[in-house]
N, C-alpha and C. Protein backbone atom coordinates (compact mmCIF):
# COMPACT_ATOMS: atom_id res chain seq x y z
N UNK A 1 -10.28 -7.60 -2.81
CA UNK A 1 -9.17 -8.34 -3.38
C UNK A 1 -8.33 -8.86 -2.23
N UNK A 2 -8.02 -10.15 -2.25
CA UNK A 2 -7.27 -10.70 -1.12
C UNK A 2 -5.77 -10.53 -1.30
N UNK A 3 -5.04 -10.84 -0.25
CA UNK A 3 -3.60 -10.58 -0.23
C UNK A 3 -2.85 -11.35 -1.31
N UNK A 4 -3.27 -12.59 -1.61
CA UNK A 4 -2.58 -13.37 -2.64
C UNK A 4 -2.74 -12.73 -4.02
N UNK A 5 -3.92 -12.22 -4.32
CA UNK A 5 -4.15 -11.57 -5.60
C UNK A 5 -3.33 -10.29 -5.68
N UNK A 6 -3.28 -9.54 -4.59
CA UNK A 6 -2.49 -8.30 -4.57
C UNK A 6 -1.03 -8.61 -4.82
N UNK A 7 -0.50 -9.64 -4.17
CA UNK A 7 0.90 -10.01 -4.39
C UNK A 7 1.14 -10.40 -5.84
N UNK A 8 0.20 -11.12 -6.44
CA UNK A 8 0.35 -11.56 -7.82
C UNK A 8 0.30 -10.42 -8.82
N UNK A 9 -0.44 -9.37 -8.50
CA UNK A 9 -0.59 -8.25 -9.41
C UNK A 9 0.16 -7.01 -8.93
N UNK A 10 1.15 -7.21 -8.10
CA UNK A 10 1.83 -6.11 -7.45
C UNK A 10 2.39 -5.09 -8.43
N UNK A 11 3.05 -5.53 -9.48
CA UNK A 11 3.65 -4.60 -10.43
C UNK A 11 2.58 -3.75 -11.11
N UNK A 12 1.42 -4.34 -11.39
CA UNK A 12 0.34 -3.60 -12.02
C UNK A 12 -0.26 -2.57 -11.06
N UNK A 13 -0.26 -2.89 -9.79
CA UNK A 13 -0.87 -2.01 -8.79
C UNK A 13 0.04 -0.86 -8.37
N UNK A 14 1.33 -0.97 -8.64
CA UNK A 14 2.26 0.09 -8.22
C UNK A 14 1.82 1.47 -8.70
N UNK A 15 1.38 1.57 -9.95
CA UNK A 15 0.95 2.86 -10.48
C UNK A 15 -0.23 3.43 -9.73
N UNK A 16 -1.20 2.59 -9.43
CA UNK A 16 -2.38 3.05 -8.68
C UNK A 16 -2.00 3.46 -7.27
N UNK A 17 -1.09 2.72 -6.67
CA UNK A 17 -0.66 3.04 -5.31
C UNK A 17 0.04 4.40 -5.30
N UNK A 18 0.91 4.63 -6.27
CA UNK A 18 1.62 5.91 -6.32
C UNK A 18 0.68 7.08 -6.62
N UNK A 19 -0.39 6.82 -7.39
CA UNK A 19 -1.38 7.88 -7.62
C UNK A 19 -2.06 8.27 -6.32
N UNK A 20 -2.40 7.28 -5.52
CA UNK A 20 -3.13 7.55 -4.28
C UNK A 20 -2.23 8.09 -3.18
N UNK A 21 -1.05 7.51 -3.05
CA UNK A 21 -0.13 7.91 -1.99
C UNK A 21 1.21 8.30 -2.61
N UNK A 22 1.27 9.50 -3.12
CA UNK A 22 2.44 9.99 -3.83
C UNK A 22 3.71 10.11 -3.00
N UNK A 23 3.58 10.11 -1.68
CA UNK A 23 4.76 10.23 -0.82
C UNK A 23 5.54 8.93 -0.73
N UNK A 24 4.98 7.83 -1.20
CA UNK A 24 5.71 6.56 -1.19
C UNK A 24 6.68 6.54 -2.36
N UNK A 25 7.87 6.04 -2.12
CA UNK A 25 8.89 5.99 -3.17
C UNK A 25 8.85 4.65 -3.88
N UNK A 26 9.53 4.57 -5.01
CA UNK A 26 9.66 3.30 -5.72
C UNK A 26 10.35 2.27 -4.84
N UNK A 27 11.33 2.72 -4.06
CA UNK A 27 12.03 1.80 -3.16
C UNK A 27 11.08 1.24 -2.11
N UNK A 28 10.20 2.09 -1.57
CA UNK A 28 9.20 1.62 -0.60
C UNK A 28 8.37 0.50 -1.21
N UNK A 29 7.92 0.73 -2.43
CA UNK A 29 7.05 -0.23 -3.09
C UNK A 29 7.80 -1.50 -3.47
N UNK A 30 9.06 -1.36 -3.87
CA UNK A 30 9.86 -2.55 -4.20
C UNK A 30 10.04 -3.44 -2.99
N UNK A 31 10.30 -2.84 -1.85
CA UNK A 31 10.49 -3.63 -0.63
C UNK A 31 9.17 -4.22 -0.15
N UNK A 32 8.09 -3.48 -0.28
CA UNK A 32 6.78 -3.94 0.20
C UNK A 32 6.32 -5.18 -0.56
N UNK A 33 6.46 -5.19 -1.88
CA UNK A 33 6.06 -6.29 -2.74
C UNK A 33 4.77 -6.98 -2.29
N UNK A 34 3.76 -6.19 -1.99
CA UNK A 34 2.46 -6.75 -1.66
C UNK A 34 2.25 -7.07 -0.19
N UNK A 35 3.22 -6.84 0.65
CA UNK A 35 3.08 -7.11 2.08
C UNK A 35 2.38 -5.93 2.74
N UNK A 36 1.15 -6.14 3.10
CA UNK A 36 0.33 -5.04 3.59
C UNK A 36 0.84 -4.46 4.91
N UNK A 37 1.41 -5.28 5.77
CA UNK A 37 1.92 -4.76 7.04
C UNK A 37 3.06 -3.77 6.81
N UNK A 38 3.97 -4.11 5.90
CA UNK A 38 5.07 -3.21 5.59
C UNK A 38 4.53 -1.92 4.96
N UNK A 39 3.60 -2.08 4.02
CA UNK A 39 3.04 -0.92 3.35
C UNK A 39 2.30 -0.02 4.34
N UNK A 40 1.57 -0.61 5.27
CA UNK A 40 0.89 0.18 6.30
C UNK A 40 1.91 0.94 7.14
N UNK A 41 3.01 0.31 7.46
CA UNK A 41 4.07 0.97 8.22
C UNK A 41 4.66 2.15 7.47
N UNK A 42 4.85 1.99 6.17
CA UNK A 42 5.39 3.09 5.36
C UNK A 42 4.38 4.23 5.26
N UNK A 43 3.10 3.91 5.17
CA UNK A 43 2.08 4.96 5.15
C UNK A 43 2.09 5.73 6.47
N UNK A 44 2.24 5.00 7.57
CA UNK A 44 2.33 5.67 8.87
C UNK A 44 3.53 6.62 8.89
N UNK A 45 4.66 6.14 8.43
CA UNK A 45 5.90 6.92 8.45
C UNK A 45 5.81 8.14 7.55
N UNK A 46 5.34 7.97 6.33
CA UNK A 46 5.33 9.05 5.35
C UNK A 46 4.25 10.09 5.62
N UNK A 47 3.09 9.64 6.17
CA UNK A 47 1.97 10.56 6.36
C UNK A 47 1.69 10.90 7.82
N UNK A 48 2.38 10.27 8.76
CA UNK A 48 2.17 10.55 10.17
C UNK A 48 0.84 10.02 10.69
N UNK A 49 0.34 8.96 10.06
CA UNK A 49 -0.94 8.37 10.46
C UNK A 49 -0.75 7.37 11.58
N UNK A 50 -1.85 7.07 12.27
CA UNK A 50 -1.85 5.98 13.23
C UNK A 50 -1.89 4.67 12.46
N UNK A 51 -1.59 3.59 13.15
CA UNK A 51 -1.63 2.26 12.53
C UNK A 51 -3.03 1.96 12.00
N UNK A 52 -4.03 2.32 12.77
CA UNK A 52 -5.42 2.07 12.39
C UNK A 52 -5.79 2.84 11.12
N UNK A 53 -5.37 4.10 11.04
CA UNK A 53 -5.66 4.92 9.86
C UNK A 53 -5.00 4.32 8.62
N UNK A 54 -3.75 3.89 8.75
CA UNK A 54 -3.03 3.30 7.62
C UNK A 54 -3.72 2.01 7.17
N UNK A 55 -4.13 1.18 8.10
CA UNK A 55 -4.83 -0.06 7.75
C UNK A 55 -6.18 0.23 7.12
N UNK A 56 -6.89 1.23 7.62
CA UNK A 56 -8.17 1.63 7.01
C UNK A 56 -7.97 2.10 5.58
N UNK A 57 -6.93 2.88 5.34
CA UNK A 57 -6.62 3.36 3.98
C UNK A 57 -6.36 2.17 3.05
N UNK A 58 -5.59 1.21 3.51
CA UNK A 58 -5.29 0.03 2.68
C UNK A 58 -6.54 -0.80 2.40
N UNK A 59 -7.39 -0.95 3.41
CA UNK A 59 -8.65 -1.69 3.21
C UNK A 59 -9.53 -0.98 2.19
N UNK A 60 -9.62 0.33 2.31
CA UNK A 60 -10.42 1.12 1.38
C UNK A 60 -9.86 0.98 -0.04
N UNK A 61 -8.56 1.07 -0.16
CA UNK A 61 -7.91 0.94 -1.47
C UNK A 61 -8.18 -0.43 -2.08
N UNK A 62 -8.00 -1.48 -1.31
CA UNK A 62 -8.18 -2.83 -1.86
C UNK A 62 -9.65 -3.12 -2.17
N UNK A 63 -10.57 -2.52 -1.44
CA UNK A 63 -11.98 -2.76 -1.72
C UNK A 63 -12.43 -2.10 -3.02
N UNK A 64 -11.69 -1.07 -3.46
CA UNK A 64 -12.04 -0.37 -4.70
C UNK A 64 -11.37 -0.97 -5.93
N UNK A 65 -10.53 -1.97 -5.74
CA UNK A 65 -9.83 -2.57 -6.88
C UNK A 65 -10.73 -3.53 -7.64
């Protein structure tokens, strides 16, 4: 799923995102609004991951949608 589709379906995806990464808050997701760079940064912050790990997680998530 490409970035434009993710942005368009952002509200629908919020539930799935929170299921997968429960440490993200509603505020995190509201600010991210489909911006993968911001979301990757929040994953790094909340889970202590490297940038590469966070980006890999997002790629894996989007490939399963």
